[in-house]
Amino acid sequence: MLIAHEEGRSGRGRRVLVELRPAPDPLSAEELRRREEELERLIIKAACRRAARLAEGLGGLEPADGHAPVRA
């Protein structure tokens, strides 16, 4: 099954396409834990990038870690 989700704001939009497939075998507790940790890392990384973009919009404030602002 395919699920499409569109999100738009200020003329910009994102399209996310997700394919749901049944797993051939149930995942082990270890594999589920590993995948959950990876998902948490990805969420934190995305939140940090978003915060950096918002900070740039506030006058290019320097990040607290001392790194130069990211320019896209």
Protein backbone atom coordinates (compact mmCIF):
# COMPACT_ATOMS: atom_id res chain seq x y z
CA MET A 1 0.00 0.00 0.00
CA LEU A 2 1.28 3.48 -0.85
CA ILE A 3 0.48 6.56 1.20
CA ALA A 4 1.13 10.06 -0.14
CA HIS A 5 1.16 13.12 2.08
CA GLU A 6 1.53 16.68 0.84
CA GLU A 7 2.35 19.60 3.05
CA GLY A 8 2.39 23.17 1.86
CA ARG A 9 3.15 26.52 3.42
CA SER A 10 4.12 29.84 1.87
CA GLY A 11 4.14 28.40 -1.64
CA ARG A 12 6.55 25.63 -0.70
CA GLY A 13 5.45 22.05 -0.51
CA ARG A 14 6.81 18.65 0.29
CA ARG A 15 5.59 15.35 -0.96
CA VAL A 16 6.31 12.24 1.05
CA LEU A 17 5.58 8.84 -0.41
CA VAL A 18 5.54 5.89 1.98
CA GLU A 19 5.21 2.26 1.02
CA LEU A 20 3.84 -0.07 3.66
CA ARG A 21 4.83 -3.72 3.29
CA PRO A 22 4.28 -6.63 5.64
CA ALA A 23 7.47 -7.84 7.27
CA PRO A 24 8.41 -11.40 6.36
CA ASP A 25 9.33 -12.21 9.97
CA PRO A 26 8.70 -10.33 13.21
CA LEU A 27 11.68 -8.19 14.23
CA SER A 28 13.68 -9.04 17.32
CA ALA A 29 13.58 -6.78 20.34
CA GLU A 30 17.21 -5.82 19.59
CA GLU A 31 16.35 -4.79 16.00
CA LEU A 32 13.30 -2.80 17.14
CA ARG A 33 15.46 -0.98 19.72
CA ARG A 34 18.12 -0.21 17.08
CA ARG A 35 15.51 1.16 14.67
CA GLU A 36 13.90 3.25 17.39
CA GLU A 37 17.29 4.78 18.31
CA GLU A 38 18.00 5.56 14.65
CA LEU A 39 14.60 7.22 14.28
CA GLU A 40 15.26 9.33 17.38
CA ARG A 41 18.62 10.44 15.93
CA LEU A 42 16.95 11.43 12.65
CA ILE A 43 14.24 13.41 14.45
CA ILE A 44 16.83 15.26 16.56
CA LYS A 45 18.95 15.99 13.48
CA ALA A 46 15.94 17.39 11.61
CA ALA A 47 14.94 19.53 14.60
CA CYS A 48 18.48 20.95 14.86
CA ARG A 49 18.55 21.81 11.16
CA ARG A 50 15.16 23.50 11.44
CA ALA A 51 16.33 25.48 14.48
CA ALA A 52 19.43 26.61 12.55
CA ARG A 53 17.28 27.80 9.64
CA LEU A 54 15.00 29.68 12.03
CA ALA A 55 18.01 31.28 13.75
CA GLU A 56 19.29 32.49 10.38
CA GLY A 57 15.93 34.14 9.82
CA LEU A 58 16.42 36.03 13.09
CA GLY A 59 19.48 37.87 11.86
CA GLY A 60 22.00 35.10 11.38
CA LEU A 61 22.63 34.43 15.05
CA GLU A 62 25.70 32.35 15.76
CA PRO A 63 24.92 28.79 16.93
CA ALA A 64 25.76 28.05 20.57
CA ASP A 65 28.33 25.42 19.55
CA GLY A 66 30.53 28.04 17.86
CA HIS A 67 30.09 26.74 14.32
CA ALA A 68 29.40 29.19 11.53
CA PRO A 69 25.76 29.39 10.35
CA VAL A 70 24.86 26.92 7.62
CA ARG A 71 24.18 28.57 4.27
CA ALA A 72 22.01 26.69 1.79
